[in-house]
Amino acid sequence: MTDRRIDDAPTGGIDYIAVEESAPFQELKRRQRSFVFPLAVAFLVWYFVYVLLSSFAPGFMAQPVSGAITVGLLFGLGQFVTTFAITMGYVAYANRRLDPRAEQLRAELEKAEGGRS
């Protein structure tokens, strides 16, 4: 990593490479990835379990739970519930942990850009 400043671009503007390499931006990316990647893996595993059970265990998926409601139907609806839960969880996490840091970075960039005019 270099010790470049964000306002040291050769063209007189903001050096976005320096911004990307800066510790605050790297921390922002790390926080985002630490939330997204584990949930994406967990959801994909859950989805493929559903698909594989549908393909290779139709008897299990066809088992009635209550009336015409089957295990497969509950698992299928669970996919939608999981998708909405992950989305709401990410929005809450982003609002609380990511957006304030992103706003701070943006304010610093706008200040650096404004100082150039």
PDB file of N, CA and C in Angstrom:
ATOM      1  N   MET A   1       0.834  -1.174   0.000  1.00  0.00           N
ATOM      2  CA  MET A   1       0.000   0.000   0.000  1.00  0.00           C
ATOM      3  C   MET A   1       0.884   1.245   0.000  1.00  0.00           C
ATOM      4  N   THR A   2       0.456   2.243  -0.691  1.00  0.00           N
ATOM      5  CA  THR A   2       1.249   3.475  -0.769  1.00  0.00           C
ATOM      6  C   THR A   2       0.698   4.499   0.204  1.00  0.00           C
ATOM      7  N   ASP A   3       1.457   5.572   0.394  1.00  0.00           N
ATOM      8  CA  ASP A   3       1.029   6.649   1.280  1.00  0.00           C
ATOM      9  C   ASP A   3       0.491   7.819   0.460  1.00  0.00           C
ATOM     10  N   ARG A   4      -0.293   7.508  -0.555  1.00  0.00           N
ATOM     11  CA  ARG A   4      -0.848   8.571  -1.398  1.00  0.00           C
ATOM     12  C   ARG A   4      -2.046   9.192  -0.700  1.00  0.00           C
ATOM     13  N   ARG A   5      -2.261  10.458  -0.966  1.00  0.00           N
ATOM     14  CA  ARG A   5      -3.439  11.148  -0.454  1.00  0.00           C
ATOM     15  C   ARG A   5      -4.517  11.113  -1.520  1.00  0.00           C
ATOM     16  N   ILE A   6      -5.779  11.227  -1.077  1.00  0.00           N
ATOM     17  CA  ILE A   6      -6.879  11.132  -2.036  1.00  0.00           C
ATOM     18  C   ILE A   6      -6.921  12.302  -3.005  1.00  0.00           C
ATOM     19  N   ASP A   7      -6.311  13.407  -2.648  1.00  0.00           N
ATOM     20  CA  ASP A   7      -6.360  14.572  -3.539  1.00  0.00           C
ATOM     21  C   ASP A   7      -5.028  14.775  -4.277  1.00  0.00           C
ATOM     22  N   ASP A   8      -4.239  13.695  -4.423  1.00  0.00           N
ATOM     23  CA  ASP A   8      -2.963  13.770  -5.126  1.00  0.00           C
ATOM     24  C   ASP A   8      -3.025  13.188  -6.535  1.00  0.00           C
ATOM     25  N   ALA A   9      -4.153  13.229  -7.163  1.00  0.00           N
ATOM     26  CA  ALA A   9      -4.272  12.669  -8.505  1.00  0.00           C
ATOM     27  C   ALA A   9      -3.456  13.483  -9.494  1.00  0.00           C
ATOM     28  N   PRO A  10      -2.851  12.824 -10.502  1.00  0.00           N
ATOM     29  CA  PRO A  10      -2.035  13.540 -11.478  1.00  0.00           C
ATOM     30  C   PRO A  10      -2.826  14.591 -12.260  1.00  0.00           C
ATOM     31  N   THR A  11      -4.117  14.379 -12.445  1.00  0.00           N
ATOM     32  CA  THR A  11      -4.916  15.316 -13.232  1.00  0.00           C
ATOM     33  C   THR A  11      -5.451  16.466 -12.394  1.00  0.00           C
ATOM     34  N   GLY A  12      -5.130  16.473 -11.090  1.00  0.00           N
ATOM     35  CA  GLY A  12      -5.614  17.541 -10.232  1.00  0.00           C
ATOM     36  C   GLY A  12      -6.922  17.211  -9.549  1.00  0.00           C
ATOM     37  N   GLY A  13      -7.507  16.060  -9.849  1.00  0.00           N
ATOM     38  CA  GLY A  13      -8.748  15.650  -9.204  1.00  0.00           C
ATOM     39  C   GLY A  13      -8.459  14.711  -8.057  1.00  0.00           C
ATOM     40  N   ILE A  14      -9.427  13.904  -7.739  1.00  0.00           N
ATOM     41  CA  ILE A  14      -9.292  12.941  -6.651  1.00  0.00           C
ATOM     42  C   ILE A  14      -8.640  11.671  -7.185  1.00  0.00           C
ATOM     43  N   ASP A  15      -7.691  11.158  -6.454  1.00  0.00           N
ATOM     44  CA  ASP A  15      -7.022   9.911  -6.811  1.00  0.00           C
ATOM     45  C   ASP A  15      -7.853   8.755  -6.255  1.00  0.00           C
ATOM     46  N   TYR A  16      -8.727   8.221  -7.092  1.00  0.00           N
ATOM     47  CA  TYR A  16      -9.640   7.176  -6.641  1.00  0.00           C
ATOM     48  C   TYR A  16      -8.928   5.861  -6.353  1.00  0.00           C
ATOM     49  N   ILE A  17      -7.778   5.638  -6.922  1.00  0.00           N
ATOM     50  CA  ILE A  17      -6.979   4.460  -6.587  1.00  0.00           C
ATOM     51  C   ILE A  17      -6.524   4.575  -5.131  1.00  0.00           C
ATOM     52  N   ALA A  18      -6.075   5.763  -4.744  1.00  0.00           N
ATOM     53  CA  ALA A  18      -5.674   5.989  -3.353  1.00  0.00           C
ATOM     54  C   ALA A  18      -6.862   5.815  -2.414  1.00  0.00           C
ATOM     55  N   VAL A  19      -8.035   6.260  -2.840  1.00  0.00           N
ATOM     56  CA  VAL A  19      -9.246   6.083  -2.022  1.00  0.00           C
ATOM     57  C   VAL A  19      -9.523   4.600  -1.836  1.00  0.00           C
ATOM     58  N   GLU A  20      -9.449   3.852  -2.929  1.00  0.00           N
ATOM     59  CA  GLU A  20      -9.720   2.414  -2.856  1.00  0.00           C
ATOM     60  C   GLU A  20      -8.701   1.694  -1.973  1.00  0.00           C
ATOM     61  N   GLU A  21      -7.489   2.166  -1.957  1.00  0.00           N
ATOM     62  CA  GLU A  21      -6.440   1.541  -1.151  1.00  0.00           C
ATOM     63  C   GLU A  21      -6.411   2.049   0.286  1.00  0.00           C
ATOM     64  N   SER A  22      -7.194   3.060   0.594  1.00  0.00           N
ATOM     65  CA  SER A  22      -7.167   3.647   1.939  1.00  0.00           C
ATOM     66  C   SER A  22      -7.753   2.679   2.972  1.00  0.00           C
ATOM     67  N   ALA A  23      -7.283   2.820   4.186  1.00  0.00           N
ATOM     68  CA  ALA A  23      -7.747   1.956   5.280  1.00  0.00           C
ATOM     69  C   ALA A  23      -9.262   2.079   5.529  1.00  0.00           C
ATOM     70  N   PRO A  24      -9.841   3.287   5.526  1.00  0.00           N
ATOM     71  CA  PRO A  24     -11.296   3.368   5.754  1.00  0.00           C
ATOM     72  C   PRO A  24     -12.112   2.656   4.669  1.00  0.00           C
ATOM     73  N   PHE A  25     -11.679   2.777   3.407  1.00  0.00           N
ATOM     74  CA  PHE A  25     -12.416   2.121   2.331  1.00  0.00           C
ATOM     75  C   PHE A  25     -12.257   0.605   2.428  1.00  0.00           C
ATOM     76  N   GLN A  26     -11.050   0.149   2.733  1.00  0.00           N
ATOM     77  CA  GLN A  26     -10.810  -1.287   2.894  1.00  0.00           C
ATOM     78  C   GLN A  26     -11.643  -1.849   4.049  1.00  0.00           C
ATOM     79  N   GLU A  27     -11.755  -1.093   5.121  1.00  0.00           N
ATOM     80  CA  GLU A  27     -12.577  -1.521   6.257  1.00  0.00           C
ATOM     81  C   GLU A  27     -14.046  -1.605   5.864  1.00  0.00           C
ATOM     82  N   LEU A  28     -14.519  -0.641   5.085  1.00  0.00           N
ATOM     83  CA  LEU A  28     -15.896  -0.650   4.605  1.00  0.00           C
ATOM     84  C   LEU A  28     -16.152  -1.893   3.751  1.00  0.00           C
ATOM     85  N   LYS A  29     -15.236  -2.191   2.839  1.00  0.00           N
ATOM     86  CA  LYS A  29     -15.376  -3.391   2.003  1.00  0.00           C
ATOM     87  C   LYS A  29     -15.340  -4.667   2.845  1.00  0.00           C
ATOM     88  N   ARG A  30     -14.463  -4.697   3.845  1.00  0.00           N
ATOM     89  CA  ARG A  30     -14.363  -5.882   4.700  1.00  0.00           C
ATOM     90  C   ARG A  30     -15.659  -6.112   5.469  1.00  0.00           C
ATOM     91  N   ARG A  31     -16.214  -5.046   6.008  1.00  0.00           N
ATOM     92  CA  ARG A  31     -17.479  -5.166   6.743  1.00  0.00           C
ATOM     93  C   ARG A  31     -18.601  -5.666   5.835  1.00  0.00           C
ATOM     94  N   GLN A  32     -18.681  -5.108   4.634  1.00  0.00           N
ATOM     95  CA  GLN A  32     -19.732  -5.521   3.704  1.00  0.00           C
ATOM     96  C   GLN A  32     -19.579  -6.984   3.326  1.00  0.00           C
ATOM     97  N   ARG A  33     -18.371  -7.385   2.996  1.00  0.00           N
ATOM     98  CA  ARG A  33     -18.123  -8.767   2.592  1.00  0.00           C
ATOM     99  C   ARG A  33     -18.327  -9.745   3.739  1.00  0.00           C
ATOM    100  N   SER A  34     -17.975  -9.335   4.954  1.00  0.00           N
ATOM    101  CA  SER A  34     -18.127 -10.241   6.091  1.00  0.00           C
ATOM    102  C   SER A  34     -19.596 -10.526   6.389  1.00  0.00           C
ATOM    103  N   PHE A  35     -20.476  -9.665   5.940  1.00  0.00           N
ATOM    104  CA  PHE A  35     -21.911  -9.914   6.097  1.00  0.00           C
ATOM    105  C   PHE A  35     -22.470 -10.666   4.898  1.00  0.00           C
ATOM    106  N   VAL A  36     -22.103 -10.227   3.704  1.00  0.00           N
ATOM    107  CA  VAL A  36     -22.712 -10.758   2.484  1.00  0.00           C
ATOM    108  C   VAL A  36     -22.270 -12.189   2.174  1.00  0.00           C
ATOM    109  N   PHE A  37     -20.977 -12.455   2.213  1.00  0.00           N
ATOM    110  CA  PHE A  37     -20.497 -13.767   1.778  1.00  0.00           C
ATOM    111  C   PHE A  37     -21.035 -14.924   2.619  1.00  0.00           C
ATOM    112  N   PRO A  38     -20.985 -14.859   3.946  1.00  0.00           N
ATOM    113  CA  PRO A  38     -21.531 -15.987   4.710  1.00  0.00           C
ATOM    114  C   PRO A  38     -23.026 -16.213   4.463  1.00  0.00           C
ATOM    115  N   LEU A  39     -23.788 -15.126   4.375  1.00  0.00           N
ATOM    116  CA  LEU A  39     -25.217 -15.292   4.117  1.00  0.00           C
ATOM    117  C   LEU A  39     -25.478 -15.814   2.714  1.00  0.00           C
ATOM    118  N   ALA A  40     -24.692 -15.394   1.744  1.00  0.00           N
ATOM    119  CA  ALA A  40     -24.859 -15.898   0.380  1.00  0.00           C
ATOM    120  C   ALA A  40     -24.565 -17.393   0.331  1.00  0.00           C
ATOM    121  N   VAL A  41     -23.514 -17.818   1.000  1.00  0.00           N
ATOM    122  CA  VAL A  41     -23.181 -19.247   1.031  1.00  0.00           C
ATOM    123  C   VAL A  41     -24.289 -20.027   1.732  1.00  0.00           C
ATOM    124  N   ALA A  42     -24.735 -19.537   2.883  1.00  0.00           N
ATOM    125  CA  ALA A  42     -25.799 -20.226   3.622  1.00  0.00           C
ATOM    126  C   ALA A  42     -27.070 -20.325   2.781  1.00  0.00           C
ATOM    127  N   PHE A  43     -27.433 -19.238   2.094  1.00  0.00           N
ATOM    128  CA  PHE A  43     -28.647 -19.281   1.280  1.00  0.00           C
ATOM    129  C   PHE A  43     -28.488 -20.242   0.115  1.00  0.00           C
ATOM    130  N   LEU A  44     -27.335 -20.240  -0.538  1.00  0.00           N
ATOM    131  CA  LEU A  44     -27.133 -21.155  -1.664  1.00  0.00           C
ATOM    132  C   LEU A  44     -27.176 -22.608  -1.212  1.00  0.00           C
ATOM    133  N   VAL A  45     -26.610 -22.910  -0.056  1.00  0.00           N
ATOM    134  CA  VAL A  45     -26.693 -24.274   0.474  1.00  0.00           C
ATOM    135  C   VAL A  45     -28.150 -24.643   0.721  1.00  0.00           C
ATOM    136  N   TRP A  46     -28.882 -23.767   1.367  1.00  0.00           N
ATOM    137  CA  TRP A  46     -30.307 -23.977   1.641  1.00  0.00           C
ATOM    138  C   TRP A  46     -31.091 -24.180   0.338  1.00  0.00           C
ATOM    139  N   TYR A  47     -30.801 -23.361  -0.661  1.00  0.00           N
ATOM    140  CA  TYR A  47     -31.486 -23.482  -1.950  1.00  0.00           C
ATOM    141  C   TYR A  47     -31.174 -24.819  -2.620  1.00  0.00           C
ATOM    142  N   PHE A  48     -29.888 -25.206  -2.654  1.00  0.00           N
ATOM    143  CA  PHE A  48     -29.527 -26.461  -3.313  1.00  0.00           C
ATOM    144  C   PHE A  48     -30.041 -27.671  -2.540  1.00  0.00           C
ATOM    145  N   VAL A  49     -30.138 -27.582  -1.223  1.00  0.00           N
ATOM    146  CA  VAL A  49     -30.757 -28.666  -0.459  1.00  0.00           C
ATOM    147  C   VAL A  49     -32.209 -28.814  -0.896  1.00  0.00           C
ATOM    148  N   TYR A  50     -32.892 -27.708  -1.042  1.00  0.00           N
ATOM    149  CA  TYR A  50     -34.288 -27.727  -1.494  1.00  0.00           C
ATOM    150  C   TYR A  50     -34.396 -28.363  -2.884  1.00  0.00           C
ATOM    151  N   VAL A  51     -33.551 -27.936  -3.807  1.00  0.00           N
ATOM    152  CA  VAL A  51     -33.591 -28.471  -5.174  1.00  0.00           C
ATOM    153  C   VAL A  51     -33.258 -29.960  -5.175  1.00  0.00           C
ATOM    154  N   LEU A  52     -32.217 -30.333  -4.442  1.00  0.00           N
ATOM    155  CA  LEU A  52     -31.819 -31.748  -4.412  1.00  0.00           C
ATOM    156  C   LEU A  52     -32.886 -32.623  -3.757  1.00  0.00           C
ATOM    157  N   LEU A  53     -33.479 -32.152  -2.684  1.00  0.00           N
ATOM    158  CA  LEU A  53     -34.565 -32.913  -2.064  1.00  0.00           C
ATOM    159  C   LEU A  53     -35.748 -33.047  -3.011  1.00  0.00           C
ATOM    160  N   SER A  54     -36.040 -31.986  -3.743  1.00  0.00           N
ATOM    161  CA  SER A  54     -37.137 -32.043  -4.715  1.00  0.00           C
ATOM    162  C   SER A  54     -36.860 -33.075  -5.799  1.00  0.00           C
ATOM    163  N   SER A  55     -35.595 -33.178  -6.186  1.00  0.00           N
ATOM    164  CA  SER A  55     -35.230 -34.101  -7.270  1.00  0.00           C
ATOM    165  C   SER A  55     -35.054 -35.534  -6.787  1.00  0.00           C
ATOM    166  N   PHE A  56     -34.420 -35.713  -5.645  1.00  0.00           N
ATOM    167  CA  PHE A  56     -34.018 -37.047  -5.222  1.00  0.00           C
ATOM    168  C   PHE A  56     -34.783 -37.603  -4.027  1.00  0.00           C
ATOM    169  N   ALA A  57     -35.630 -36.817  -3.422  1.00  0.00           N
ATOM    170  CA  ALA A  57     -36.444 -37.303  -2.305  1.00  0.00           C
ATOM    171  C   ALA A  57     -37.889 -36.830  -2.457  1.00  0.00           C
ATOM    172  N   PRO A  58     -38.514 -37.180  -3.585  1.00  0.00           N
ATOM    173  CA  PRO A  58     -39.882 -36.689  -3.799  1.00  0.00           C
ATOM    174  C   PRO A  58     -40.875 -37.233  -2.767  1.00  0.00           C
ATOM    175  N   GLY A  59     -40.619 -38.424  -2.257  1.00  0.00           N
ATOM    176  CA  GLY A  59     -41.507 -38.961  -1.229  1.00  0.00           C
ATOM    177  C   GLY A  59     -41.487 -38.125   0.039  1.00  0.00           C
ATOM    178  N   PHE A  60     -40.295 -37.709   0.439  1.00  0.00           N
ATOM    179  CA  PHE A  60     -40.166 -36.861   1.620  1.00  0.00           C
ATOM    180  C   PHE A  60     -40.831 -35.506   1.385  1.00  0.00           C
ATOM    181  N   MET A  61     -40.586 -34.928   0.219  1.00  0.00           N
ATOM    182  CA  MET A  61     -41.147 -33.604  -0.072  1.00  0.00           C
ATOM    183  C   MET A  61     -42.668 -33.660  -0.216  1.00  0.00           C
ATOM    184  N   ALA A  62     -43.194 -34.826  -0.581  1.00  0.00           N
ATOM    185  CA  ALA A  62     -44.640 -34.963  -0.771  1.00  0.00           C
ATOM    186  C   ALA A  62     -45.370 -35.313   0.525  1.00  0.00           C
ATOM    187  N   GLN A  63     -44.650 -35.517   1.591  1.00  0.00           N
ATOM    188  CA  GLN A  63     -45.296 -35.874   2.854  1.00  0.00           C
ATOM    189  C   GLN A  63     -46.196 -34.738   3.325  1.00  0.00           C
ATOM    190  N   PRO A  64     -47.438 -35.070   3.628  1.00  0.00           N
ATOM    191  CA  PRO A  64     -48.345 -34.027   4.114  1.00  0.00           C
ATOM    192  C   PRO A  64     -47.985 -33.596   5.535  1.00  0.00           C
ATOM    193  N   VAL A  65     -48.101 -32.311   5.769  1.00  0.00           N
ATOM    194  CA  VAL A  65     -47.878 -31.756   7.102  1.00  0.00           C
ATOM    195  C   VAL A  65     -49.227 -31.475   7.745  1.00  0.00           C
ATOM    196  N   SER A  66     -50.098 -30.853   6.966  1.00  0.00           N
ATOM    197  CA  SER A  66     -51.448 -30.551   7.425  1.00  0.00           C
ATOM    198  C   SER A  66     -52.342 -30.401   6.209  1.00  0.00           C
ATOM    199  N   GLY A  67     -53.261 -31.303   6.021  1.00  0.00           N
ATOM    200  CA  GLY A  67     -54.155 -31.247   4.857  1.00  0.00           C
ATOM    201  C   GLY A  67     -53.364 -31.378   3.566  1.00  0.00           C
ATOM    202  N   ALA A  68     -53.504 -30.408   2.686  1.00  0.00           N
ATOM    203  CA  ALA A  68     -52.800 -30.425   1.404  1.00  0.00           C
ATOM    204  C   ALA A  68     -51.429 -29.756   1.474  1.00  0.00           C
ATOM    205  N   ILE A  69     -51.040 -29.315   2.642  1.00  0.00           N
ATOM    206  CA  ILE A  69     -49.736 -28.657   2.802  1.00  0.00           C
ATOM    207  C   ILE A  69     -48.671 -29.724   3.006  1.00  0.00           C
ATOM    208  N   THR A  70     -47.660 -29.699   2.135  1.00  0.00           N
ATOM    209  CA  THR A  70     -46.605 -30.709   2.175  1.00  0.00           C
ATOM    210  C   THR A  70     -45.289 -30.103   2.652  1.00  0.00           C
ATOM    211  N   VAL A  71     -44.342 -30.991   2.949  1.00  0.00           N
ATOM    212  CA  VAL A  71     -43.002 -30.547   3.330  1.00  0.00           C
ATOM    213  C   VAL A  71     -42.397 -29.705   2.212  1.00  0.00           C
ATOM    214  N   GLY A  72     -42.557 -30.146   0.964  1.00  0.00           N
ATOM    215  CA  GLY A  72     -42.014 -29.411  -0.184  1.00  0.00           C
ATOM    216  C   GLY A  72     -42.599 -28.013  -0.302  1.00  0.00           C
ATOM    217  N   LEU A  73     -43.890 -27.890  -0.058  1.00  0.00           N
ATOM    218  CA  LEU A  73     -44.529 -26.573  -0.117  1.00  0.00           C
ATOM    219  C   LEU A  73     -43.967 -25.658   0.979  1.00  0.00           C
ATOM    220  N   LEU A  74     -43.800 -26.192   2.169  1.00  0.00           N
ATOM    221  CA  LEU A  74     -43.237 -25.392   3.259  1.00  0.00           C
ATOM    222  C   LEU A  74     -41.798 -24.979   2.956  1.00  0.00           C
ATOM    223  N   PHE A  75     -41.013 -25.919   2.403  1.00  0.00           N
ATOM    224  CA  PHE A  75     -39.637 -25.574   2.032  1.00  0.00           C
ATOM    225  C   PHE A  75     -39.623 -24.513   0.936  1.00  0.00           C
ATOM    226  N   GLY A  76     -40.515 -24.626  -0.031  1.00  0.00           N
ATOM    227  CA  GLY A  76     -40.592 -23.639  -1.108  1.00  0.00           C
ATOM    228  C   GLY A  76     -40.970 -22.270  -0.589  1.00  0.00           C
ATOM    229  N   LEU A  77     -41.953 -22.216   0.280  1.00  0.00           N
ATOM    230  CA  LEU A  77     -42.328 -20.937   0.892  1.00  0.00           C
ATOM    231  C   LEU A  77     -41.204 -20.416   1.778  1.00  0.00           C
ATOM    232  N   GLY A  78     -40.481 -21.341   2.390  1.00  0.00           N
ATOM    233  CA  GLY A  78     -39.335 -20.960   3.210  1.00  0.00           C
ATOM    234  C   GLY A  78     -38.259 -20.243   2.402  1.00  0.00           C
ATOM    235  N   GLN A  79     -38.157 -20.574   1.121  1.00  0.00           N
ATOM    236  CA  GLN A  79     -37.202 -19.873   0.261  1.00  0.00           C
ATOM    237  C   GLN A  79     -37.549 -18.383   0.165  1.00  0.00           C
ATOM    238  N   PHE A  80     -38.836 -18.099   0.021  1.00  0.00           N
ATOM    239  CA  PHE A  80     -39.257 -16.696  -0.052  1.00  0.00           C
ATOM    240  C   PHE A  80     -39.036 -15.992   1.285  1.00  0.00           C
ATOM    241  N   VAL A  81     -39.403 -16.662   2.368  1.00  0.00           N
ATOM    242  CA  VAL A  81     -39.226 -16.076   3.698  1.00  0.00           C
ATOM    243  C   VAL A  81     -37.750 -15.786   3.944  1.00  0.00           C
ATOM    244  N   THR A  82     -36.892 -16.739   3.593  1.00  0.00           N
ATOM    245  CA  THR A  82     -35.458 -16.561   3.784  1.00  0.00           C
ATOM    246  C   THR A  82     -34.936 -15.382   2.966  1.00  0.00           C
ATOM    247  N   THR A  83     -35.384 -15.261   1.732  1.00  0.00           N
ATOM    248  CA  THR A  83     -34.950 -14.165   0.870  1.00  0.00           C
ATOM    249  C   THR A  83     -35.321 -12.817   1.485  1.00  0.00           C
ATOM    250  N   PHE A  84     -36.557 -12.693   1.950  1.00  0.00           N
ATOM    251  CA  PHE A  84     -36.980 -11.431   2.566  1.00  0.00           C
ATOM    252  C   PHE A  84     -36.233 -11.177   3.875  1.00  0.00           C
ATOM    253  N   ALA A  85     -36.001 -12.217   4.666  1.00  0.00           N
ATOM    254  CA  ALA A  85     -35.282 -12.047   5.934  1.00  0.00           C
ATOM    255  C   ALA A  85     -33.847 -11.588   5.687  1.00  0.00           C
ATOM    256  N   ILE A  86     -33.187 -12.187   4.706  1.00  0.00           N
ATOM    257  CA  ILE A  86     -31.822 -11.785   4.384  1.00  0.00           C
ATOM    258  C   ILE A  86     -31.793 -10.338   3.896  1.00  0.00           C
ATOM    259  N   THR A  87     -32.749  -9.979   3.058  1.00  0.00           N
ATOM    260  CA  THR A  87     -32.812  -8.609   2.539  1.00  0.00           C
ATOM    261  C   THR A  87     -33.027  -7.608   3.681  1.00  0.00           C
ATOM    262  N   MET A  88     -33.969  -7.905   4.554  1.00  0.00           N
ATOM    263  CA  MET A  88     -34.224  -6.985   5.673  1.00  0.00           C
ATOM    264  C   MET A  88     -33.022  -6.929   6.611  1.00  0.00           C
ATOM    265  N   GLY A  89     -32.376  -8.062   6.832  1.00  0.00           N
ATOM    266  CA  GLY A  89     -31.190  -8.080   7.674  1.00  0.00           C
ATOM    267  C   GLY A  89     -30.057  -7.264   7.083  1.00  0.00           C
ATOM    268  N   TYR A  90     -29.872  -7.389   5.762  1.00  0.00           N
ATOM    269  CA  TYR A  90     -28.808  -6.615   5.107  1.00  0.00           C
ATOM    270  C   TYR A  90     -29.107  -5.119   5.156  1.00  0.00           C
ATOM    271  N   VAL A  91     -30.345  -4.746   4.923  1.00  0.00           N
ATOM    272  CA  VAL A  91     -30.703  -3.324   4.967  1.00  0.00           C
ATOM    273  C   VAL A  91     -30.448  -2.758   6.365  1.00  0.00           C
ATOM    274  N   ALA A  92     -30.833  -3.500   7.385  1.00  0.00           N
ATOM    275  CA  ALA A  92     -30.596  -3.035   8.758  1.00  0.00           C
ATOM    276  C   ALA A  92     -29.100  -2.936   9.037  1.00  0.00           C
ATOM    277  N   TYR A  93     -28.345  -3.942   8.613  1.00  0.00           N
ATOM    278  CA  TYR A  93     -26.901  -3.938   8.820  1.00  0.00           C
ATOM    279  C   TYR A  93     -26.252  -2.775   8.071  1.00  0.00           C
ATOM    280  N   ALA A  94     -26.647  -2.580   6.826  1.00  0.00           N
ATOM    281  CA  ALA A  94     -26.074  -1.494   6.018  1.00  0.00           C
ATOM    282  C   ALA A  94     -26.409  -0.137   6.625  1.00  0.00           C
ATOM    283  N   ASN A  95     -27.632   0.040   7.052  1.00  0.00           N
ATOM    284  CA  ASN A  95     -28.021   1.315   7.667  1.00  0.00           C
ATOM    285  C   ASN A  95     -27.220   1.597   8.933  1.00  0.00           C
ATOM    286  N   ARG A  96     -26.940   0.555   9.698  1.00  0.00           N
ATOM    287  CA  ARG A  96     -26.268   0.718  10.983  1.00  0.00           C
ATOM    288  C   ARG A  96     -24.752   0.738  10.872  1.00  0.00           C
ATOM    289  N   ARG A  97     -24.165  -0.132  10.019  1.00  0.00           N
ATOM    290  CA  ARG A  97     -22.717  -0.322  10.026  1.00  0.00           C
ATOM    291  C   ARG A  97     -22.000   0.167   8.769  1.00  0.00           C
ATOM    292  N   LEU A  98     -22.683   0.197   7.636  1.00  0.00           N
ATOM    293  CA  LEU A  98     -22.012   0.555   6.386  1.00  0.00           C
ATOM    294  C   LEU A  98     -22.274   1.995   5.957  1.00  0.00           C
ATOM    295  N   ASP A  99     -23.519   2.387   5.974  1.00  0.00           N
ATOM    296  CA  ASP A  99     -23.877   3.710   5.463  1.00  0.00           C
ATOM    297  C   ASP A  99     -23.193   4.868   6.191  1.00  0.00           C
ATOM    298  N   PRO A 100     -23.090   4.837   7.524  1.00  0.00           N
ATOM    299  CA  PRO A 100     -22.386   5.957   8.182  1.00  0.00           C
ATOM    300  C   PRO A 100     -20.936   6.084   7.724  1.00  0.00           C
ATOM    301  N   ARG A 101     -20.251   4.963   7.549  1.00  0.00           N
ATOM    302  CA  ARG A 101     -18.857   5.014   7.090  1.00  0.00           C
ATOM    303  C   ARG A 101     -18.780   5.463   5.626  1.00  0.00           C
ATOM    304  N   ALA A 102     -19.709   5.001   4.821  1.00  0.00           N
ATOM    305  CA  ALA A 102     -19.725   5.419   3.414  1.00  0.00           C
ATOM    306  C   ALA A 102     -20.010   6.914   3.303  1.00  0.00           C
ATOM    307  N   GLU A 103     -20.919   7.416   4.120  1.00  0.00           N
ATOM    308  CA  GLU A 103     -21.214   8.852   4.125  1.00  0.00           C
ATOM    309  C   GLU A 103     -19.995   9.661   4.551  1.00  0.00           C
ATOM    310  N   GLN A 104     -19.264   9.149   5.524  1.00  0.00           N
ATOM    311  CA  GLN A 104     -18.059   9.834   5.983  1.00  0.00           C
ATOM    312  C   GLN A 104     -17.021   9.890   4.862  1.00  0.00           C
ATOM    313  N   LEU A 105     -16.819   8.781   4.166  1.00  0.00           N
ATOM    314  CA  LEU A 105     -15.888   8.762   3.033  1.00  0.00           C
ATOM    315  C   LEU A 105     -16.332   9.724   1.940  1.00  0.00           C
ATOM    316  N   ARG A 106     -17.620   9.709   1.654  1.00  0.00           N
ATOM    317  CA  ARG A 106     -18.142  10.597   0.613  1.00  0.00           C
ATOM    318  C   ARG A 106     -17.947  12.065   0.991  1.00  0.00           C
ATOM    319  N   ALA A 107     -18.188  12.379   2.253  1.00  0.00           N
ATOM    320  CA  ALA A 107     -17.999  13.763   2.707  1.00  0.00           C
ATOM    321  C   ALA A 107     -16.541  14.187   2.565  1.00  0.00           C
ATOM    322  N   GLU A 108     -15.628  13.280   2.889  1.00  0.00           N
ATOM    323  CA  GLU A 108     -14.207  13.599   2.736  1.00  0.00           C
ATOM    324  C   GLU A 108     -13.847  13.826   1.266  1.00  0.00           C
ATOM    325  N   LEU A 109     -14.398  12.992   0.397  1.00  0.00           N
ATOM    326  CA  LEU A 109     -14.128  13.151  -1.041  1.00  0.00           C
ATOM    327  C   LEU A 109     -14.720  14.452  -1.572  1.00  0.00           C
ATOM    328  N   GLU A 110     -15.943  14.774  -1.139  1.00  0.00           N
ATOM    329  CA  GLU A 110     -16.571  16.025  -1.585  1.00  0.00           C
ATOM    330  C   GLU A 110     -15.790  17.229  -1.067  1.00  0.00           C
ATOM    331  N   LYS A 111     -15.287  17.126   0.145  1.00  0.00           N
ATOM    332  CA  LYS A 111     -14.491  18.211   0.710  1.00  0.00           C
ATOM    333  C   LYS A 111     -13.188  18.376  -0.081  1.00  0.00           C
ATOM    334  N   ALA A 112     -12.554  17.249  -0.399  1.00  0.00           N
ATOM    335  CA  ALA A 112     -11.314  17.307  -1.191  1.00  0.00           C
ATOM    336  C   ALA A 112     -11.593  17.851  -2.591  1.00  0.00           C
ATOM    337  N   GLU A 113     -12.687  17.456  -3.193  1.00  0.00           N
ATOM    338  CA  GLU A 113     -13.041  17.927  -4.534  1.00  0.00           C
ATOM    339  C   GLU A 113     -13.402  19.409  -4.491  1.00  0.00           C
ATOM    340  N   GLY A 114     -14.111  19.831  -3.437  1.00  0.00           N
ATOM    341  CA  GLY A 114     -14.492  21.239  -3.295  1.00  0.00           C
ATOM    342  C   GLY A 114     -13.285  22.127  -3.070  1.00  0.00           C
ATOM    343  N   GLY A 115     -12.287  21.622  -2.407  1.00  0.00           N
ATOM    344  CA  GLY A 115     -11.083  22.397  -2.135  1.00  0.00           C
ATOM    345  C   GLY A 115     -10.237  22.608  -3.385  1.00  0.00           C
ATOM    346  N   ARG A 116     -10.499  21.851  -4.432  1.00  0.00           N
ATOM    347  CA  ARG A 116      -9.731  21.936  -5.674  1.00  0.00           C
ATOM    348  C   ARG A 116     -10.244  23.037  -6.595  1.00  0.00           C
ATOM    349  N   SER A 117     -11.490  23.396  -6.437  1.00  0.00           N
ATOM    350  CA  SER A 117     -12.103  24.342  -7.383  1.00  0.00           C
ATOM    351  C   SER A 117     -11.525  25.710  -7.326  1.00  0.00           C
TER     352      SER A 117
END
